[in-house]
Amino acid sequence: MKHQYKAKKYWSALGTTGLGNYRLRMTQRYEPFQEPTGTWTVNDAWTGRPAEMGSRTIVGMNQHDAEELADLLNGLNAQRQEAKS
């Protein structure tokens, strides 16, 4: 539940500056998110929870690593989606 709240807070922080930003964000399943402690998490926008790789939750990272991993996961997700079509 704690992480779902943070994900909702993240989405609401995007504001209402137009639907374009919202749609752009919705195309990205995985997003880096800074925790109140200063560490970074990769959130799964589809579940509202921290992303998982295998049995490991992706939390406690630095910003650079979280951004790199989110990019990698989004690329893999895009490939999976293309393979389904």
Foldseek 3Di string as FASTA:
>chain_A
DVQLVVLVVVLCVVPPPDCVVVVVVVLQQWDWDADPVRWIFIAGNVVSHGDDDPNDGGTRHHPVVSVVVSVVVSVVVVVVVVVVD
